[in-house]
Protein backbone atom coordinates (compact mmCIF):
# COMPACT_ATOMS: atom_id res chain seq x y z
CA MET A 1 -31.98 98.47 253.59
CA LYS A 2 -34.87 98.36 251.03
CA THR A 3 -33.08 100.57 248.58
CA ARG A 4 -30.05 98.25 248.80
CA ILE A 5 -32.01 95.22 248.08
CA LEU A 6 -33.47 96.71 245.00
CA GLY A 7 -30.29 98.08 243.83
CA LEU A 8 -29.10 94.40 244.29
CA LEU A 9 -32.23 92.95 242.30
CA VAL A 10 -31.84 95.39 239.48
CA LEU A 11 -28.14 94.29 239.22
CA LEU A 12 -29.24 90.65 239.14
CA MET A 13 -31.62 91.26 236.63
CA MET A 14 -29.50 93.32 234.05
CA PRO A 15 -28.07 89.94 232.46
CA LEU A 16 -31.51 88.38 232.38
CA LEU A 17 -32.74 91.60 230.62
CA ALA A 18 -29.97 91.88 228.33
CA ALA A 19 -30.41 88.18 227.25
CA ALA A 20 -34.15 88.70 226.60
CA GLN A 21 -33.50 91.75 224.34
CA ARG A 22 -30.77 89.71 222.60
CA LYS A 23 -33.32 86.82 222.19
CA ALA A 24 -36.21 89.78 221.00
CA GLU A 25 -33.59 90.90 218.51
CA THR A 26 -33.05 87.27 217.01
CA VAL A 27 -33.83 87.19 213.31
CA ASN A 28 -37.16 85.06 212.50
CA TYR A 29 -36.42 83.16 208.92
CA ASP A 30 -40.13 83.45 208.06
CA ASP A 31 -39.91 87.29 208.33
CA TYR A 32 -37.13 87.68 205.73
CA PHE A 33 -36.63 84.35 203.79
CA THR A 34 -38.51 82.04 201.42
CA ASP A 35 -38.10 78.40 201.27
CA GLN A 36 -35.90 78.73 198.41
CA THR A 37 -32.01 78.79 197.91
CA LEU A 38 -29.90 81.73 196.55
CA ARG A 39 -26.87 80.33 195.27
CA VAL A 40 -24.19 82.77 194.66
CA ASP A 41 -21.23 81.84 192.51
CA TYR A 42 -18.03 83.88 192.98
CA THR A 43 -14.66 84.09 191.46
CA PHE A 44 -11.85 84.68 193.97
CA ALA A 45 -8.56 85.85 192.08
CA GLY A 46 -5.30 87.64 192.36
CA ASP A 47 -1.74 87.03 194.16
CA GLN A 48 0.02 87.59 197.28
CA LYS A 49 -0.14 91.35 196.57
CA HIS A 50 -3.55 91.90 195.22
CA THR A 51 -7.02 89.76 195.61
CA MET A 52 -10.11 90.49 194.27
CA VAL A 53 -13.84 88.80 194.41
CA PHE A 54 -15.96 88.82 191.49
CA LEU A 55 -19.62 88.08 191.18
CA ASP A 56 -20.11 85.08 188.53
CA GLU A 57 -23.55 84.50 188.91
CA LEU A 58 -27.20 84.19 190.99
CA ILE A 59 -29.22 81.07 190.75
CA ARG A 60 -32.40 80.47 192.58
CA THR A 61 -33.07 76.80 193.50
CA ASP A 62 -36.12 75.32 195.10
CA GLY A 63 -36.07 74.63 199.07
CA TRP A 64 -33.64 75.76 201.88
CA HIS A 65 -31.79 73.13 203.44
CA GLY A 66 -29.80 75.08 205.85
CA ARG A 67 -30.24 76.32 209.38
CA ARG A 68 -33.37 78.46 210.39
CA HIS A 69 -32.10 79.61 213.59
CA HIS A 70 -28.89 81.66 214.86
CA LEU A 71 -29.26 83.05 211.37
CA ASP A 72 -27.19 86.29 212.15
CA GLU A 73 -24.53 84.49 214.00
CA LEU A 74 -21.28 82.64 213.25
CA PRO A 75 -20.70 79.14 214.45
CA LEU A 76 -16.55 79.65 213.60
CA GLU A 77 -14.73 82.39 212.35
CA GLY A 78 -13.35 81.04 209.30
CA THR A 79 -10.95 82.56 207.11
CA GLY A 80 -13.86 84.24 205.30
CA ASP A 81 -17.62 84.89 205.66
CA ILE A 82 -20.55 86.35 204.16
CA GLU A 83 -23.00 88.84 205.75
CA MET A 84 -26.40 89.49 204.21
CA LYS A 85 -28.03 92.73 205.20
CA ASP A 86 -31.70 93.88 204.66
CA ASP A 87 -31.58 96.81 202.26
CA ALA A 88 -34.53 98.55 204.01
CA THR A 89 -33.16 98.57 207.63
CA GLY A 90 -29.68 97.77 207.37
CA LYS A 91 -30.32 94.63 209.81
CA VAL A 92 -27.88 91.83 209.24
CA ILE A 93 -30.23 88.81 208.60
CA TYR A 94 -27.82 86.03 207.59
CA ARG A 95 -24.15 85.12 208.14
CA THR A 96 -22.09 82.29 207.07
CA SER A 97 -18.30 81.52 207.62
CA PHE A 98 -15.99 79.45 205.10
CA SER A 99 -12.34 78.52 204.26
CA THR A 100 -11.26 78.37 200.53
CA LEU A 101 -8.36 76.86 198.37
CA PHE A 102 -7.78 80.28 197.24
CA GLN A 103 -6.46 81.46 200.31
CA GLU A 104 -4.49 78.45 201.06
CA TRP A 105 -2.73 79.03 197.41
CA LEU A 106 -2.02 82.52 198.48
CA SER A 107 0.57 81.28 201.08
CA THR A 108 2.52 79.21 198.25
CA ASP A 109 5.54 80.26 196.49
CA GLU A 110 3.60 80.28 193.18
CA ALA A 111 1.23 83.30 194.42
CA ALA A 112 4.31 85.48 194.87
CA HIS A 113 4.79 85.56 191.13
CA THR A 114 1.62 84.50 189.41
CA ALA A 115 -2.03 85.50 189.65
CA LYS A 116 -4.80 82.73 189.54
CA SER A 117 -8.75 82.73 189.83
CA PHE A 118 -10.65 80.22 191.85
CA GLU A 119 -14.41 79.29 191.76
CA ASN A 120 -16.30 79.48 194.77
CA VAL A 121 -20.01 78.63 195.35
CA TYR A 122 -22.21 79.58 198.40
CA LEU A 123 -25.79 78.84 199.46
CA LEU A 124 -27.83 81.22 201.36
CA PRO A 125 -31.52 81.63 202.29
CA TYR A 126 -33.73 83.27 199.74
CA PRO A 127 -34.46 86.93 200.65
CA LYS A 128 -37.93 88.30 200.16
CA GLN A 129 -36.89 91.65 199.83
CA PRO A 130 -33.48 93.31 198.39
CA VAL A 131 -30.53 92.85 200.32
CA SER A 132 -26.82 93.50 200.20
CA LEU A 133 -24.00 90.87 200.62
CA THR A 134 -20.55 91.72 201.63
CA VAL A 135 -17.66 88.83 201.46
CA SER A 136 -14.76 89.00 203.22
CA LEU A 137 -11.58 87.15 202.98
CA ARG A 138 -8.63 86.98 205.69
CA ASN A 139 -5.35 85.69 205.62
CA MET A 140 -3.94 83.13 208.06
CA HIS A 141 -3.07 85.82 210.73
CA GLY A 142 -6.63 87.03 210.73
CA GLU A 143 -6.10 89.95 208.68
CA THR A 144 -8.82 91.20 206.50
CA ILE A 145 -7.16 91.24 202.75
CA THR A 146 -10.15 92.27 200.87
CA THR A 147 -13.81 92.49 200.83
CA TYR A 148 -16.58 92.93 198.11
CA THR A 149 -20.22 94.35 198.65
CA HIS A 150 -23.04 93.81 196.10
CA ARG A 151 -26.68 94.07 196.20
CA VAL A 152 -29.39 91.45 195.25
CA ASN A 153 -32.86 92.18 194.16
CA PRO A 154 -34.75 88.97 194.55
CA ALA A 155 -37.24 89.75 191.80
CA ASP A 156 -34.21 90.23 189.29
CA ILE A 157 -35.45 88.62 186.19
CA LEU A 158 -31.74 87.51 185.70
CA ILE A 159 -31.34 85.47 188.66
CA ARG A 160 -31.56 81.98 186.87
CA HIS A 161 -34.40 79.45 188.47
CA GLN A 162 -32.28 76.33 188.14
CA LYS A 163 -33.59 72.90 188.19
CA PRO A 164 -32.00 69.62 187.41
CA ALA A 165 -31.63 68.82 183.57
CA THR A 166 -32.05 64.95 184.72
CA GLN A 167 -32.98 63.73 188.10
CA PRO A 168 -29.93 62.97 190.51
CA ARG A 169 -29.54 59.31 191.16
CA VAL A 170 -29.87 59.35 194.90
CA THR A 171 -29.50 56.72 197.41
CA GLN A 172 -30.67 57.32 201.12
CA LEU A 173 -27.63 56.27 203.64
CA LEU A 174 -29.30 57.79 206.78
CA TYR A 175 -32.66 59.31 207.22
CA SER A 176 -33.15 60.91 210.71
CA GLY A 177 -35.86 63.81 209.67
CA THR A 178 -36.73 66.83 207.57
CA PRO A 179 -34.05 69.15 206.12
CA ARG A 180 -35.75 71.41 208.26
CA ASP A 181 -34.32 69.67 211.41
CA CYS A 182 -31.29 67.95 210.61
CA ILE A 183 -27.91 68.40 208.95
CA ASP A 184 -27.92 67.25 205.32
CA VAL A 185 -24.55 65.58 204.39
CA VAL A 186 -24.18 64.28 200.62
CA ILE A 187 -21.57 61.67 199.44
CA MET A 188 -20.75 62.07 195.74
CA SER A 189 -18.88 59.85 193.56
CA GLU A 190 -15.62 60.84 191.31
CA GLY A 191 -13.95 58.92 188.78
CA TYR A 192 -16.62 55.83 188.84
CA THR A 193 -17.88 54.82 185.43
CA GLU A 194 -21.13 53.69 184.87
CA LYS A 195 -20.40 50.18 185.23
CA GLU A 196 -18.86 50.97 189.00
CA GLU A 197 -21.98 52.44 190.42
CA ALA A 198 -22.22 49.30 192.87
CA ILE A 199 -18.66 49.82 193.96
CA PHE A 200 -19.44 53.53 194.69
CA LEU A 201 -22.43 52.83 196.95
CA LYS A 202 -20.27 50.10 198.82
CA ASP A 203 -17.78 52.93 199.59
CA ALA A 204 -20.57 55.39 200.37
CA TYR A 205 -22.13 53.02 202.99
CA ALA A 206 -18.59 52.26 204.50
CA THR A 207 -17.91 56.35 204.53
CA ARG A 208 -21.34 56.70 206.66
CA ASP A 209 -20.17 53.88 208.88
CA ALA A 210 -16.71 55.23 209.54
CA LEU A 211 -18.07 58.76 210.18
CA LEU A 212 -20.80 57.24 212.66
CA ALA A 213 -18.20 55.02 214.44
CA HIS A 214 -16.87 58.43 215.75
CA GLU A 215 -18.01 60.64 218.67
CA PRO A 216 -19.82 62.75 218.59
CA PHE A 217 -21.57 61.95 215.25
CA LYS A 218 -22.14 58.39 216.84
CA SER A 219 -24.40 59.57 219.68
CA MET A 220 -26.03 62.59 217.59
CA LYS A 221 -26.47 60.60 214.33
CA ASP A 222 -30.08 61.55 214.76
CA ARG A 223 -29.28 65.04 213.80
CA PHE A 224 -27.93 63.86 210.36
CA ASN A 225 -29.41 62.96 206.96
CA LEU A 226 -26.62 61.28 204.59
CA ILE A 227 -27.44 60.70 200.77
CA ALA A 228 -25.13 59.09 198.11
CA VAL A 229 -25.43 60.94 194.62
CA PHE A 230 -23.81 58.96 191.75
CA THR A 231 -22.42 60.87 189.02
CA PRO A 232 -20.90 58.60 186.26
CA SER A 233 -17.37 59.35 185.09
CA HIS A 234 -15.67 58.71 181.36
CA ASP A 235 -12.72 57.28 182.93
CA SER A 236 -12.47 55.05 186.05
CA GLY A 237 -9.86 56.62 188.55
CA VAL A 238 -8.44 60.34 189.30
CA SER A 239 -5.65 62.43 188.08
CA VAL A 240 -2.27 61.93 189.50
CA PRO A 241 -0.19 64.55 187.95
CA SER A 242 3.13 63.51 189.23
CA ARG A 243 2.66 60.38 187.42
CA ASN A 244 1.66 61.86 184.34
CA GLU A 245 -1.87 60.21 184.72
CA TRP A 246 -4.92 62.39 183.68
CA CYS A 247 -8.25 61.04 183.94
CA SER A 248 -11.88 62.84 182.04
CA THR A 249 -13.94 62.80 185.54
CA PRO A 250 -17.27 65.04 186.47
CA PHE A 251 -15.33 67.16 188.65
CA GLY A 252 -11.68 67.40 187.48
CA SER A 253 -9.96 66.54 190.95
CA HIS A 254 -6.26 65.85 191.07
CA PHE A 255 -3.62 64.80 193.43
CA ASP A 256 -0.46 67.20 193.70
CA THR A 257 -2.54 70.33 194.47
CA PHE A 258 0.07 73.07 195.20
CA TYR A 259 2.70 70.24 194.28
CA SER A 260 2.14 68.40 197.69
CA ALA A 261 1.68 64.88 196.41
CA ARG A 262 -1.00 63.63 198.63
CA TYR A 263 -3.38 66.71 198.49
CA LEU A 264 -6.08 65.74 196.52
CA THR A 265 -8.67 68.76 195.48
CA SER A 266 -11.15 70.00 192.96
CA ARG A 267 -11.21 73.43 191.84
CA GLN A 268 -14.64 72.85 189.50
CA LEU A 269 -17.06 73.97 192.40
CA LYS A 270 -19.76 75.07 189.98
CA ASN A 271 -19.73 71.45 188.59
CA ILE A 272 -19.96 69.84 191.68
CA HIS A 273 -23.04 71.69 192.80
CA ASN A 274 -24.54 71.74 189.48
CA ALA A 275 -24.50 67.74 190.09
CA LEU A 276 -26.52 68.44 193.15
CA LEU A 277 -29.52 70.27 191.88
CA GLY A 278 -32.53 68.64 192.95
CA THR A 279 -31.34 67.20 196.25
CA ALA A 280 -31.03 68.49 199.85
CA TYR A 281 -27.65 68.86 200.92
CA GLU A 282 -25.49 71.57 203.09
CA HIS A 283 -22.19 69.46 203.61
CA ILE A 284 -20.30 67.46 200.84
CA ILE A 285 -18.13 64.45 200.94
CA ILE A 286 -16.43 63.45 197.42
CA LEU A 287 -15.21 59.96 196.95
CA ALA A 288 -12.24 59.37 194.35
CA ASN A 289 -11.99 56.10 192.87
CA THR A 290 -8.55 55.28 193.57
CA THR A 291 -6.08 53.66 195.83
CA VAL A 292 -3.59 56.54 195.77
CA TYR A 293 -3.02 57.97 199.36
CA GLY A 294 -4.43 61.43 200.10
CA GLY A 295 -7.44 63.97 200.40
CA GLY A 296 -8.38 67.44 201.27
CA GLY A 297 -11.07 69.04 203.37
CA ILE A 298 -11.88 72.76 203.41
CA TYR A 299 -14.14 74.41 205.82
CA ASN A 300 -17.72 74.74 204.36
CA SER A 301 -16.71 73.64 201.16
CA PHE A 302 -15.86 69.94 200.54
CA THR A 303 -14.07 66.99 201.75
CA LEU A 304 -12.44 65.09 198.93
CA THR A 305 -10.69 61.52 199.56
CA THR A 306 -9.40 58.36 198.18
CA ALA A 307 -11.71 55.45 198.76
CA HIS A 308 -9.69 52.47 197.98
CA ASN A 309 -6.56 52.95 200.19
CA PRO A 310 -5.93 50.90 203.26
CA ASP A 311 -6.30 54.14 205.29
CA PHE A 312 -9.56 55.18 203.70
CA ALA A 313 -11.73 55.21 206.88
CA PRO A 314 -9.38 57.31 209.11
CA VAL A 315 -8.68 59.84 206.53
CA VAL A 316 -12.16 60.55 205.29
CA VAL A 317 -13.15 61.23 208.95
CA HIS A 318 -10.07 63.39 209.28
CA GLU A 319 -11.08 65.37 206.06
CA PHE A 320 -14.58 65.91 207.30
CA GLY A 321 -13.33 67.22 210.64
CA HIS A 322 -11.81 69.85 208.48
CA SER A 323 -14.72 70.39 206.09
CA PHE A 324 -17.78 70.19 208.41
CA GLY A 325 -15.88 70.69 211.67
CA GLY A 326 -13.34 73.71 210.73
CA LEU A 327 -10.85 71.53 212.90
CA ALA A 328 -7.34 72.26 212.42
CA ASP A 329 -4.69 69.52 211.42
CA GLU A 330 -2.63 68.82 215.15
CA TYR A 331 0.33 67.07 213.39
CA PHE A 332 3.76 68.96 212.85
CA TYR A 333 7.03 68.10 211.60
CA ASP A 334 10.37 69.48 212.24
CA ASN A 335 11.23 72.40 209.59
CA ASP A 336 7.75 71.81 207.95
CA VAL A 337 7.10 74.21 205.05
CA MET A 338 4.04 75.11 206.87
CA THR A 339 5.50 76.13 210.09
CA ASP A 340 4.73 79.90 211.18
CA SER A 341 1.69 79.67 208.71
CA TYR A 342 -0.86 80.55 211.68
CA SER A 343 -0.31 83.82 213.61
CA HIS A 344 1.42 83.82 217.05
CA ALA A 345 -0.37 86.83 218.02
CA LYS A 346 -3.91 86.03 217.62
CA GLU A 347 -5.96 82.77 218.76
CA PRO A 348 -6.58 80.44 216.06
CA TRP A 349 -10.22 80.28 215.22
CA GLU A 350 -10.24 76.51 215.27
CA ALA A 351 -11.61 74.75 218.22
CA ASN A 352 -8.66 72.13 218.64
CA VAL A 353 -5.59 74.21 218.58
CA THR A 354 -4.33 77.26 220.75
CA ASN A 355 -1.36 79.48 221.33
CA LEU A 356 -2.62 80.46 224.62
CA VAL A 357 -3.43 83.97 223.58
CA ASP A 358 -7.24 83.78 224.36
CA PHE A 359 -7.29 80.36 225.57
CA GLU A 360 -9.35 80.26 228.77
CA GLY A 361 -13.15 80.19 228.37
CA LYS A 362 -13.04 79.78 224.78
CA LYS A 363 -11.30 76.38 223.95
CA TRP A 364 -11.25 73.27 226.15
CA SER A 365 -9.77 74.49 229.52
CA SER A 366 -12.75 73.41 231.26
CA LEU A 367 -11.83 69.80 230.39
CA ILE A 368 -8.51 70.15 231.75
CA PRO A 369 -8.20 68.60 235.48
CA LYS A 370 -6.89 71.33 237.85
CA LYS A 371 -3.63 69.54 238.79
CA THR A 372 -2.66 68.87 235.13
CA PRO A 373 0.79 70.69 234.17
CA ARG A 374 0.61 73.30 231.56
CA PRO A 375 2.27 72.40 229.08
CA THR A 376 1.63 68.67 229.67
CA PRO A 377 4.76 66.58 229.41
CA VAL A 378 4.34 63.72 226.67
CA ALA A 379 5.77 61.28 229.20
CA ASP A 380 2.51 61.67 231.41
CA GLN A 381 0.26 61.21 228.47
CA LYS A 382 -1.51 58.06 229.98
CA LYS A 383 -1.60 60.20 233.36
CA TYR A 384 -3.27 63.05 231.55
CA PRO A 385 -5.66 62.29 228.85
CA VAL A 386 -6.44 65.90 228.57
CA GLY A 387 -4.10 68.97 228.73
CA LEU A 388 -1.84 71.08 226.77
CA TYR A 389 0.68 69.23 224.68
CA GLU A 390 2.96 71.10 222.41
CA GLY A 391 3.29 70.88 218.95
CA ALA A 392 0.14 71.49 216.53
CA ALA A 393 -1.01 73.42 213.68
CA TYR A 394 2.12 72.58 211.68
CA SER A 395 4.40 74.11 214.47
CA LYS A 396 6.57 72.13 216.90
CA LYS A 397 6.80 74.97 219.39
CA GLY A 398 4.17 77.66 220.40
CA PHE A 399 1.01 76.14 219.59
CA TYR A 400 -0.93 73.17 221.82
CA ARG A 401 -3.52 70.18 221.05
CA ALA A 402 -5.44 68.74 223.81
CA SER A 403 -4.46 65.42 223.84
CA TYR A 404 -1.44 63.25 222.83
CA ASN A 405 -2.88 61.64 219.99
CA CYS A 406 -6.22 62.44 218.03
CA ARG A 407 -7.78 61.74 214.50
CA MET A 408 -6.80 65.14 213.47
CA ARG A 409 -3.15 64.31 214.24
CA THR A 410 -2.56 60.63 212.97
CA ASN A 411 -4.67 57.79 211.44
CA VAL A 412 -3.95 55.24 214.18
CA ALA A 413 -5.74 57.40 216.63
CA PRO A 414 -9.21 55.50 217.49
CA GLU A 415 -10.82 58.70 218.07
CA PHE A 416 -11.21 62.68 218.04
CA CYS A 417 -9.74 63.99 221.08
CA PRO A 418 -11.90 65.56 223.85
CA ALA A 419 -11.48 69.16 222.34
CA CYS A 420 -12.25 68.12 218.83
CA GLN A 421 -15.31 66.18 220.12
CA LEU A 422 -16.42 69.18 222.22
CA GLY A 423 -15.99 71.45 219.08
CA LEU A 424 -18.01 69.27 216.96
CA ARG A 425 -20.62 68.91 219.45
CA ASN A 426 -21.32 72.56 219.70
CA LEU A 427 -21.27 72.77 215.96
CA ILE A 428 -24.11 70.36 215.64
CA GLU A 429 -25.91 71.78 218.40
CA PHE A 430 -25.83 75.29 216.87
CA TYR A 431 -27.16 73.86 213.42
CA THR A 432 -29.56 71.64 214.77
CA ARG A 433 -31.18 73.32 217.98
């Protein structure tokens, strides 16, 4: 009897011992990193047949404003990631994930016959000892399309120690604590002239208020710092190629990205990050001084959105859902050009859509009441606020969302759906606890 009890105790203790071991293996920030940032500028280039990653430049800046825990974990899979290993031990000491405009472009018809290059910038904690960095890019089906590994010696004399030539023009919009304790979001100006600084600041405050009106940002605002950074533009407004309107602006943003009229983006990532030298930032929102409807949000890269369209408030929140939260679009249309851009064989990495390949335990199954029909009929949307509504991720069939409507589906939805809120809350917890 005693033997059985001891055996049972050992079995019960095994998960606790394993958890303790994992905790002991957690990377301690101060063991491997200084209080500085390693900015890595890459060029991603190629076409649908061949893709490559090139190292452009290594830059050292003062202060590290990212997370200091969960260093070797990924909050989300993304469509690409960077893994940092300590050279001496081979131990993974930092990981981060992202998506890129380049990878989106690879799915276009143009990429079938034309090769292009795109700037990409990533902020990593500055290592104390030599490390190796491995960049991996995946397609929409989760298949690795290229990897690139290079070594970084922190003592390399050619790593530029860059400081701002002029002090950024910063306005504090929300202060909740030090960068060590909070998520630092910067709101930038694009297409505002020197005389329009006051207009930009008004728009920046409106952006803050729009974000904080939505859960979970509303109840977790004490985890965020928000600042506005003004960079004057030569021209007022931004470029709209379909109207033959081209403006000289700090970040060269424009509508008609990939010939999609509403898609507003910038490919000048280095200019964007250069304008932020001397500030504490992790996530970027760029406001475009225009009434034209549109925007774009790329996970762990930037949100860029029109500031003077009547739908500005829901659009900026929607796009921040992409860039900060890694949330997927929940809308779809009949015969959409993006239909089947997601794999039907692999569960989407985004928290708010599913194809049921690996739904239980990973998505919002715990939020669905037991008697809710799956799929959930649209006619019963009021009866079942949370369920499995078919149609999401640009596809009418085979992909599901949690609620009939959501901020990630339409501009008239009043809030993020429960699945989006769960995903955002988990991400905020990951970054701050």
